[in-house]
C-alpha atoms as a PDB file:
ATOM      1  CA  UNK A   1     -57.298-178.079 -26.977  1.00  0.00           C
ATOM      2  CA  UNK A   2     -60.270-177.494 -24.664  1.00  0.00           C
ATOM      3  CA  UNK A   3     -63.260-175.504 -25.815  1.00  0.00           C
ATOM      4  CA  UNK A   4     -65.543-173.595 -23.427  1.00  0.00           C
ATOM      5  CA  UNK A   5     -69.172-173.287 -24.523  1.00  0.00           C
ATOM      6  CA  UNK A   6     -71.760-171.216 -22.647  1.00  0.00           C
ATOM      7  CA  UNK A   7     -75.396-172.258 -23.022  1.00  0.00           C
ATOM      8  CA  UNK A   8     -77.318-169.023 -22.668  1.00  0.00           C
ATOM      9  CA  UNK A   9     -80.691-167.393 -23.170  1.00  0.00           C
ATOM     10  CA  UNK A  10     -82.174-164.909 -20.716  1.00  0.00           C
ATOM     11  CA  UNK A  11     -85.605-166.433 -21.296  1.00  0.00           C
ATOM     12  CA  UNK A  12     -86.457-169.197 -18.863  1.00  0.00           C
ATOM     13  CA  UNK A  13     -87.970-172.511 -19.901  1.00  0.00           C
ATOM     14  CA  UNK A  14     -86.262-172.802 -23.291  1.00  0.00           C
ATOM     15  CA  UNK A  15     -84.416-176.042 -22.547  1.00  0.00           C
ATOM     16  CA  UNK A  16     -81.136-174.500 -21.414  1.00  0.00           C
ATOM     17  CA  UNK A  17     -80.360-176.854 -18.531  1.00  0.00           C
ATOM     18  CA  UNK A  18     -81.805-179.851 -20.387  1.00  0.00           C
ATOM     19  CA  UNK A  19     -79.396-179.039 -23.210  1.00  0.00           C
ATOM     20  CA  UNK A  20     -76.405-178.407 -20.930  1.00  0.00           C
ATOM     21  CA  UNK A  21     -76.842-181.713 -19.073  1.00  0.00           C
ATOM     22  CA  UNK A  22     -77.695-183.908 -22.053  1.00  0.00           C
ATOM     23  CA  UNK A  23     -75.227-182.398 -24.495  1.00  0.00           C
ATOM     24  CA  UNK A  24     -72.469-182.812 -21.877  1.00  0.00           C
ATOM     25  CA  UNK A  25     -73.523-186.434 -21.208  1.00  0.00           C
ATOM     26  CA  UNK A  26     -73.720-187.185 -24.960  1.00  0.00           C
ATOM     27  CA  UNK A  27     -70.245-185.760 -25.588  1.00  0.00           C
ATOM     28  CA  UNK A  28     -68.987-187.949 -22.719  1.00  0.00           C
ATOM     29  CA  UNK A  29     -70.553-191.062 -24.255  1.00  0.00           C
ATOM     30  CA  UNK A  30     -68.824-190.149 -27.532  1.00  0.00           C
ATOM     31  CA  UNK A  31     -65.530-190.370 -25.609  1.00  0.00           C
ATOM     32  CA  UNK A  32     -64.875-186.670 -25.142  1.00  0.00           C
ATOM     33  CA  UNK A  33     -63.706-185.506 -21.718  1.00  0.00           C
ATOM     34  CA  UNK A  34     -66.306-183.023 -20.467  1.00  0.00           C
ATOM     35  CA  UNK A  35     -66.746-180.671 -17.527  1.00  0.00           C
ATOM     36  CA  UNK A  36     -70.159-179.145 -16.837  1.00  0.00           C
ATOM     37  CA  UNK A  37     -70.262-175.940 -14.798  1.00  0.00           C
ATOM     38  CA  UNK A  38     -73.548-175.126 -13.110  1.00  0.00           C
ATOM     39  CA  UNK A  39     -73.702-171.314 -13.158  1.00  0.00           C
ATOM     40  CA  UNK A  40     -77.391-171.047 -12.310  1.00  0.00           C
ATOM     41  CA  UNK A  41     -78.447-170.476  -8.663  1.00  0.00           C
ATOM     42  CA  UNK A  42     -81.389-172.852  -9.237  1.00  0.00           C
ATOM     43  CA  UNK A  43     -78.751-175.616  -9.473  1.00  0.00           C
ATOM     44  CA  UNK A  44     -80.920-177.743 -11.762  1.00  0.00           C
ATOM     45  CA  UNK A  45     -77.957-179.029 -13.753  1.00  0.00           C
ATOM     46  CA  UNK A  46     -76.434-180.330 -10.506  1.00  0.00           C
ATOM     47  CA  UNK A  47     -79.589-182.102  -9.317  1.00  0.00           C
ATOM     48  CA  UNK A  48     -80.201-183.305 -12.889  1.00  0.00           C
ATOM     49  CA  UNK A  49     -76.988-185.309 -12.627  1.00  0.00           C
ATOM     50  CA  UNK A  50     -77.862-186.851  -9.291  1.00  0.00           C
ATOM     51  CA  UNK A  51     -76.142-184.389  -6.962  1.00  0.00           C
ATOM     52  CA  UNK A  52     -77.963-183.568  -3.736  1.00  0.00           C
ATOM     53  CA  UNK A  53     -77.805-179.771  -3.891  1.00  0.00           C
ATOM     54  CA  UNK A  54     -78.334-179.401  -0.120  1.00  0.00           C
ATOM     55  CA  UNK A  55     -75.095-181.303   0.456  1.00  0.00           C
ATOM     56  CA  UNK A  56     -73.018-179.082  -1.839  1.00  0.00           C
ATOM     57  CA  UNK A  57     -70.561-177.194   0.350  1.00  0.00           C
ATOM     58  CA  UNK A  58     -68.292-175.896  -2.371  1.00  0.00           C
ATOM     59  CA  UNK A  59     -69.047-175.160  -5.999  1.00  0.00           C
ATOM     60  CA  UNK A  60     -69.429-172.396  -8.571  1.00  0.00           C
ATOM     61  CA  UNK A  61     -69.704-169.746  -5.843  1.00  0.00           C
ATOM     62  CA  UNK A  62     -66.195-170.528  -4.542  1.00  0.00           C
ATOM     63  CA  UNK A  63     -64.943-170.793  -8.128  1.00  0.00           C
ATOM     64  CA  UNK A  64     -66.063-167.227  -8.878  1.00  0.00           C
ATOM     65  CA  UNK A  65     -64.868-165.903  -5.525  1.00  0.00           C
ATOM     66  CA  UNK A  66     -61.464-167.553  -6.103  1.00  0.00           C
ATOM     67  CA  UNK A  67     -61.636-169.061  -2.595  1.00  0.00           C
ATOM     68  CA  UNK A  68     -61.045-172.558  -4.016  1.00  0.00           C
ATOM     69  CA  UNK A  69     -59.356-173.766  -7.182  1.00  0.00           C
ATOM     70  CA  UNK A  70     -61.338-175.322 -10.019  1.00  0.00           C
ATOM     71  CA  UNK A  71     -59.476-178.627  -9.505  1.00  0.00           C
ATOM     72  CA  UNK A  72     -60.690-178.805  -5.886  1.00  0.00           C
ATOM     73  CA  UNK A  73     -64.313-178.224  -6.884  1.00  0.00           C
ATOM     74  CA  UNK A  74     -64.648-180.891  -9.585  1.00  0.00           C
ATOM     75  CA  UNK A  75     -67.022-183.742  -8.760  1.00  0.00           C
ATOM     76  CA  UNK A  76     -67.242-186.841 -10.940  1.00  0.00           C
ATOM     77  CA  UNK A  77     -70.680-188.057 -12.076  1.00  0.00           C
ATOM     78  CA  UNK A  78     -72.102-191.486 -12.919  1.00  0.00           C
ATOM     79  CA  UNK A  79     -72.101-190.443 -16.578  1.00  0.00           C
ATOM     80  CA  UNK A  80     -69.013-191.596 -18.540  1.00  0.00           C
ATOM     81  CA  UNK A  81     -66.255-188.975 -19.008  1.00  0.00           C
ATOM     82  CA  UNK A  82     -68.394-186.273 -17.372  1.00  0.00           C
ATOM     83  CA  UNK A  83     -67.391-184.159 -14.367  1.00  0.00           C
ATOM     84  CA  UNK A  84     -69.296-181.259 -12.836  1.00  0.00           C
ATOM     85  CA  UNK A  85     -68.671-178.192 -10.716  1.00  0.00           C
ATOM     86  CA  UNK A  86     -72.023-178.014  -8.909  1.00  0.00           C
ATOM     87  CA  UNK A  87     -74.000-174.987  -7.753  1.00  0.00           C
ATOM     88  CA  UNK A  88     -75.848-174.170  -4.568  1.00  0.00           C
ATOM     89  CA  UNK A  89     -78.515-171.573  -3.770  1.00  0.00           C
ATOM     90  CA  UNK A  90     -75.739-169.353  -2.283  1.00  0.00           C
ATOM     91  CA  UNK A  91     -74.829-168.490  -5.871  1.00  0.00           C
ATOM     92  CA  UNK A  92     -77.706-165.979  -5.716  1.00  0.00           C
ATOM     93  CA  UNK A  93     -75.473-163.674  -3.659  1.00  0.00           C
ATOM     94  CA  UNK A  94     -72.508-163.744  -6.033  1.00  0.00           C
ATOM     95  CA  UNK A  95     -73.676-160.873  -8.256  1.00  0.00           C
ATOM     96  CA  UNK A  96     -73.806-158.510  -5.283  1.00  0.00           C
ATOM     97  CA  UNK A  97     -70.437-159.667  -4.005  1.00  0.00           C
ATOM     98  CA  UNK A  98     -68.693-159.364  -7.363  1.00  0.00           C
ATOM     99  CA  UNK A  99     -69.902-155.809  -7.983  1.00  0.00           C
ATOM    100  CA  UNK A 100     -67.035-154.147  -6.114  1.00  0.00           C
ATOM    101  CA  UNK A 101     -64.303-156.472  -7.329  1.00  0.00           C
ATOM    102  CA  UNK A 102     -61.744-155.390  -9.879  1.00  0.00           C
ATOM    103  CA  UNK A 103     -62.012-157.249 -13.187  1.00  0.00           C
ATOM    104  CA  UNK A 104     -65.284-158.729 -11.963  1.00  0.00           C
ATOM    105  CA  UNK A 105     -66.290-159.853 -15.473  1.00  0.00           C
ATOM    106  CA  UNK A 106     -63.221-162.099 -15.742  1.00  0.00           C
ATOM    107  CA  UNK A 107     -63.413-164.059 -12.471  1.00  0.00           C
ATOM    108  CA  UNK A 108     -64.623-167.218 -14.206  1.00  0.00           C
ATOM    109  CA  UNK A 109     -62.145-166.942 -17.073  1.00  0.00           C
ATOM    110  CA  UNK A 110     -59.239-166.735 -14.604  1.00  0.00           C
ATOM    111  CA  UNK A 111     -60.584-169.605 -12.517  1.00  0.00           C
ATOM    112  CA  UNK A 112     -60.933-171.928 -15.524  1.00  0.00           C
ATOM    113  CA  UNK A 113     -57.592-171.128 -17.169  1.00  0.00           C
ATOM    114  CA  UNK A 114     -55.602-173.780 -15.196  1.00  0.00           C
ATOM    115  CA  UNK A 115     -57.968-176.643 -16.151  1.00  0.00           C
ATOM    116  CA  UNK A 116     -59.025-175.673 -19.665  1.00  0.00           C
ATOM    117  CA  UNK A 117     -56.619-178.098 -21.311  1.00  0.00           C
ATOM    118  CA  UNK A 118     -57.716-181.011 -19.086  1.00  0.00           C
ATOM    119  CA  UNK A 119     -61.016-181.286 -20.978  1.00  0.00           C
ATOM    120  CA  UNK A 120     -62.184-181.493 -24.585  1.00  0.00           C
ATOM    121  CA  UNK A 121     -65.264-179.438 -23.732  1.00  0.00           C
ATOM    122  CA  UNK A 122     -66.286-177.287 -20.782  1.00  0.00           C
ATOM    123  CA  UNK A 123     -70.019-176.547 -20.883  1.00  0.00           C
ATOM    124  CA  UNK A 124     -71.454-173.705 -18.774  1.00  0.00           C
ATOM    125  CA  UNK A 125     -75.148-173.768 -17.885  1.00  0.00           C
ATOM    126  CA  UNK A 126     -76.022-170.059 -17.539  1.00  0.00           C
ATOM    127  CA  UNK A 127     -78.723-168.487 -15.386  1.00  0.00           C
ATOM    128  CA  UNK A 128     -81.834-167.173 -17.210  1.00  0.00           C
ATOM    129  CA  UNK A 129     -80.701-163.539 -16.957  1.00  0.00           C
ATOM    130  CA  UNK A 130     -78.134-161.227 -18.487  1.00  0.00           C
ATOM    131  CA  UNK A 131     -76.523-160.329 -15.168  1.00  0.00           C
ATOM    132  CA  UNK A 132     -72.944-160.553 -13.947  1.00  0.00           C
ATOM    133  CA  UNK A 133     -73.044-164.356 -13.721  1.00  0.00           C
ATOM    134  CA  UNK A 134     -73.917-164.734 -17.404  1.00  0.00           C
ATOM    135  CA  UNK A 135     -71.447-161.978 -18.314  1.00  0.00           C
ATOM    136  CA  UNK A 136     -68.718-163.972 -16.549  1.00  0.00           C
ATOM    137  CA  UNK A 137     -69.714-167.083 -18.484  1.00  0.00           C
ATOM    138  CA  UNK A 138     -69.662-165.248 -21.823  1.00  0.00           C
ATOM    139  CA  UNK A 139     -66.315-163.613 -21.024  1.00  0.00           C
ATOM    140  CA  UNK A 140     -64.839-167.032 -20.181  1.00  0.00           C
ATOM    141  CA  UNK A 141     -66.218-168.882 -23.207  1.00  0.00           C
ATOM    142  CA  UNK A 142     -64.987-169.539 -26.715  1.00  0.00           C
ATOM    143  CA  UNK A 143     -68.547-169.738 -28.005  1.00  0.00           C
ATOM    144  CA  UNK A 144     -72.189-169.543 -26.999  1.00  0.00           C
ATOM    145  CA  UNK A 145     -74.974-171.974 -27.862  1.00  0.00           C
ATOM    146  CA  UNK A 146     -78.475-170.470 -27.767  1.00  0.00           C
ATOM    147  CA  UNK A 147     -81.491-172.736 -27.240  1.00  0.00           C
ATOM    148  CA  UNK A 148     -84.754-171.400 -28.728  1.00  0.00           C
ATOM    149  CA  UNK A 149     -88.061-173.100 -28.036  1.00  0.00           C
ATOM    150  CA  UNK A 150     -90.407-173.675 -30.960  1.00  0.00           C
ATOM    151  CA  UNK A 151     -93.184-171.616 -29.415  1.00  0.00           C
ATOM    152  CA  UNK A 152     -95.031-168.368 -29.928  1.00  0.00           C
ATOM    153  CA  UNK A 153     -92.619-165.822 -28.458  1.00  0.00           C
ATOM    154  CA  UNK A 154     -89.525-167.761 -29.568  1.00  0.00           C
ATOM    155  CA  UNK A 155     -87.653-164.856 -31.129  1.00  0.00           C
ATOM    156  CA  UNK A 156     -88.694-162.347 -28.498  1.00  0.00           C
ATOM    157  CA  UNK A 157     -85.657-161.419 -26.448  1.00  0.00           C
ATOM    158  CA  UNK A 158     -83.291-163.003 -28.949  1.00  0.00           C
ATOM    159  CA  UNK A 159     -82.329-159.559 -30.284  1.00  0.00           C
ATOM    160  CA  UNK A 160     -81.487-158.450 -26.752  1.00  0.00           C
ATOM    161  CA  UNK A 161     -79.321-161.526 -26.202  1.00  0.00           C
ATOM    162  CA  UNK A 162     -77.519-161.041 -29.532  1.00  0.00           C
ATOM    163  CA  UNK A 163     -76.846-157.391 -28.606  1.00  0.00           C
ATOM    164  CA  UNK A 164     -75.391-158.522 -25.274  1.00  0.00           C
ATOM    165  CA  UNK A 165     -73.183-161.007 -27.110  1.00  0.00           C
ATOM    166  CA  UNK A 166     -72.052-158.223 -29.485  1.00  0.00           C
ATOM    167  CA  UNK A 167     -71.088-155.945 -26.619  1.00  0.00           C
ATOM    168  CA  UNK A 168     -69.253-158.806 -24.858  1.00  0.00           C
ATOM    169  CA  UNK A 169     -67.368-159.424 -28.129  1.00  0.00           C
ATOM    170  CA  UNK A 170     -66.485-155.751 -28.340  1.00  0.00           C
ATOM    171  CA  UNK A 171     -65.503-155.115 -24.718  1.00  0.00           C
ATOM    172  CA  UNK A 172     -64.729-158.333 -22.837  1.00  0.00           C
ATOM    173  CA  UNK A 173     -64.042-161.207 -25.187  1.00  0.00           C
ATOM    174  CA  UNK A 174     -63.155-160.559 -28.819  1.00  0.00           C
ATOM    175  CA  UNK A 175     -62.789-164.326 -29.391  1.00  0.00           C
ATOM    176  CA  UNK A 176     -66.430-165.145 -28.536  1.00  0.00           C
ATOM    177  CA  UNK A 177     -68.260-166.930 -31.364  1.00  0.00           C
ATOM    178  CA  UNK A 178     -71.852-168.039 -31.730  1.00  0.00           C
ATOM    179  CA  UNK A 179     -71.694-171.836 -31.747  1.00  0.00           C
ATOM    180  CA  UNK A 180     -75.229-171.962 -33.065  1.00  0.00           C
ATOM    181  CA  UNK A 181     -78.937-171.637 -32.382  1.00  0.00           C
ATOM    182  CA  UNK A 182     -80.624-174.828 -31.205  1.00  0.00           C
ATOM    183  CA  UNK A 183     -84.334-175.341 -31.756  1.00  0.00           C
ATOM    184  CA  UNK A 184     -85.909-177.125 -28.773  1.00  0.00           C
ATOM    185  CA  UNK A 185     -89.359-178.425 -27.729  1.00  0.00           C
ATOM    186  CA  UNK A 186     -90.322-179.084 -31.334  1.00  0.00           C
ATOM    187  CA  UNK A 187     -93.663-180.764 -31.984  1.00  0.00           C
ATOM    188  CA  UNK A 188     -94.052-181.741 -35.640  1.00  0.00           C
ATOM    189  CA  UNK A 189     -97.869-181.841 -35.279  1.00  0.00           C
ATOM    190  CA  UNK A 190     -98.061-178.139 -34.493  1.00  0.00           C
ATOM    191  CA  UNK A 191     -98.142-175.632 -37.310  1.00  0.00           C
ATOM    192  CA  UNK A 192     -96.604-173.077 -34.972  1.00  0.00           C
ATOM    193  CA  UNK A 193     -93.549-175.286 -34.333  1.00  0.00           C
ATOM    194  CA  UNK A 194     -92.969-175.582 -38.074  1.00  0.00           C
ATOM    195  CA  UNK A 195     -93.403-171.827 -38.547  1.00  0.00           C
ATOM    196  CA  UNK A 196     -90.780-171.097 -35.876  1.00  0.00           C
ATOM    197  CA  UNK A 197     -88.324-173.516 -37.515  1.00  0.00           C
ATOM    198  CA  UNK A 198     -88.870-171.785 -40.868  1.00  0.00           C
ATOM    199  CA  UNK A 199     -88.526-168.324 -39.379  1.00  0.00           C
ATOM    200  CA  UNK A 200     -85.328-169.091 -37.454  1.00  0.00           C
ATOM    201  CA  UNK A 201     -83.730-170.776 -40.485  1.00  0.00           C
ATOM    202  CA  UNK A 202     -84.713-167.840 -42.645  1.00  0.00           C
ATOM    203  CA  UNK A 203     -83.347-165.153 -40.283  1.00  0.00           C
ATOM    204  CA  UNK A 204     -80.290-167.053 -39.102  1.00  0.00           C
ATOM    205  CA  UNK A 205     -79.287-169.155 -42.052  1.00  0.00           C
ATOM    206  CA  UNK A 206     -76.049-171.010 -41.412  1.00  0.00           C
ATOM    207  CA  UNK A 207     -76.203-170.269 -37.681  1.00  0.00           C
ATOM    208  CA  UNK A 208     -78.809-172.884 -36.770  1.00  0.00           C
ATOM    209  CA  UNK A 209     -77.977-176.478 -35.835  1.00  0.00           C
ATOM    210  CA  UNK A 210     -79.423-179.097 -38.186  1.00  0.00           C
ATOM    211  CA  UNK A 211     -80.404-181.152 -35.140  1.00  0.00           C
ATOM    212  CA  UNK A 212     -83.769-180.174 -33.655  1.00  0.00           C
ATOM    213  CA  UNK A 213     -84.707-181.272 -30.128  1.00  0.00           C
ATOM    214  CA  UNK A 214     -88.203-182.700 -30.146  1.00  0.00           C
ATOM    215  CA  UNK A 215     -90.701-182.653 -27.307  1.00  0.00           C
ATOM    216  CA  UNK A 216     -90.169-185.899 -25.431  1.00  0.00           C
ATOM    217  CA  UNK A 217     -91.763-187.147 -22.211  1.00  0.00           C
ATOM    218  CA  UNK A 218     -88.674-189.184 -21.262  1.00  0.00           C
ATOM    219  CA  UNK A 219     -86.577-186.040 -21.587  1.00  0.00           C
ATOM    220  CA  UNK A 220     -88.675-184.204 -18.990  1.00  0.00           C
ATOM    221  CA  UNK A 221     -88.757-187.246 -16.661  1.00  0.00           C
ATOM    222  CA  UNK A 222     -84.994-187.855 -16.582  1.00  0.00           C
ATOM    223  CA  UNK A 223     -83.982-184.949 -14.242  1.00  0.00           C
ATOM    224  CA  UNK A 224     -86.328-186.138 -11.482  1.00  0.00           C
ATOM    225  CA  UNK A 225     -84.284-189.364 -11.405  1.00  0.00           C
ATOM    226  CA  UNK A 226     -81.024-187.404 -11.328  1.00  0.00           C
ATOM    227  CA  UNK A 227     -79.963-188.843 -14.660  1.00  0.00           C
ATOM    228  CA  UNK A 228     -79.146-187.600 -18.136  1.00  0.00           C
ATOM    229  CA  UNK A 229     -81.433-188.850 -20.905  1.00  0.00           C
ATOM    230  CA  UNK A 230     -78.602-191.153 -22.075  1.00  0.00           C
ATOM    231  CA  UNK A 231     -78.540-192.950 -18.700  1.00  0.00           C
ATOM    232  CA  UNK A 232     -82.294-192.796 -18.194  1.00  0.00           C
ATOM    233  CA  UNK A 233     -83.493-194.035 -21.580  1.00  0.00           C
ATOM    234  CA  UNK A 234     -80.830-194.477 -24.240  1.00  0.00           C
ATOM    235  CA  UNK A 235     -83.420-195.595 -26.807  1.00  0.00           C
ATOM    236  CA  UNK A 236     -85.644-192.517 -26.461  1.00  0.00           C
ATOM    237  CA  UNK A 237     -86.133-189.792 -29.045  1.00  0.00           C
ATOM    238  CA  UNK A 238     -84.529-187.303 -26.624  1.00  0.00           C
ATOM    239  CA  UNK A 239     -81.401-189.411 -26.362  1.00  0.00           C
ATOM    240  CA  UNK A 240     -81.243-189.757 -30.146  1.00  0.00           C
ATOM    241  CA  UNK A 241     -81.603-185.964 -30.573  1.00  0.00           C
ATOM    242  CA  UNK A 242     -78.844-185.052 -28.092  1.00  0.00           C
ATOM    243  CA  UNK A 243     -76.412-187.652 -29.463  1.00  0.00           C
ATOM    244  CA  UNK A 244     -77.062-186.190 -32.911  1.00  0.00           C
ATOM    245  CA  UNK A 245     -76.367-182.677 -31.548  1.00  0.00           C
ATOM    246  CA  UNK A 246     -73.132-183.870 -29.889  1.00  0.00           C
ATOM    247  CA  UNK A 247     -71.997-185.458 -33.164  1.00  0.00           C
ATOM    248  CA  UNK A 248     -72.821-182.273 -35.058  1.00  0.00           C
ATOM    249  CA  UNK A 249     -70.844-180.211 -32.530  1.00  0.00           C
ATOM    250  CA  UNK A 250     -67.828-182.523 -32.719  1.00  0.00           C
ATOM    251  CA  UNK A 251     -67.827-182.419 -36.539  1.00  0.00           C
ATOM    252  CA  UNK A 252     -68.135-178.644 -36.498  1.00  0.00           C
ATOM    253  CA  UNK A 253     -65.109-178.371 -34.218  1.00  0.00           C
ATOM    254  CA  UNK A 254     -62.878-180.997 -35.754  1.00  0.00           C
END
């Protein structure tokens, strides 16, 4: 039974794409069949897995427009058990084009229905906004994973995101769950990092993943080589963290 997980937070720079790419790669290494969908016009998840974005002729745009089937858009990656539907800058235009369509919030859900059972997990890397693209991702997903960086304004905007999730649950997708909050960019030397961890655990007890993603130089280097952290440096702290997260996710869903 396939599970669709959206990775969302309207704040940029919280480790959303890093999490989408490395969680997907880690699940693949743990022998789960995974599809990553790049639903961000910046297409960083695509380039982060070694895809030359300029060469992408078909991808998430066509998936949402229903001008190509999901099966036709899947590209395999060098990471074990991991496929991707890549994005291209043309995805920027999709929100405008979807506005007049009937059932515009469900375009992604419909497009993914035929392939959902082909994968153990389908991970959607959302754009850093709460627009129609993210709404489509949330309407198509079984759950949402929210990365939160261990920095000063960490919880700012979280209320807004949780309200959006509530209204999606009410109107578009009654099945949508919160998979969990993931603390990212943690630096144990900083008092602030520790305060954020405390605060999030206090406010969202039981909703927060035990795994915390630490700040790691190798983790920020990996995308420039078009590789997941697992391929780039399997012995790094970043790799250890994301494998731990993947294990936690699998246990939670077994």
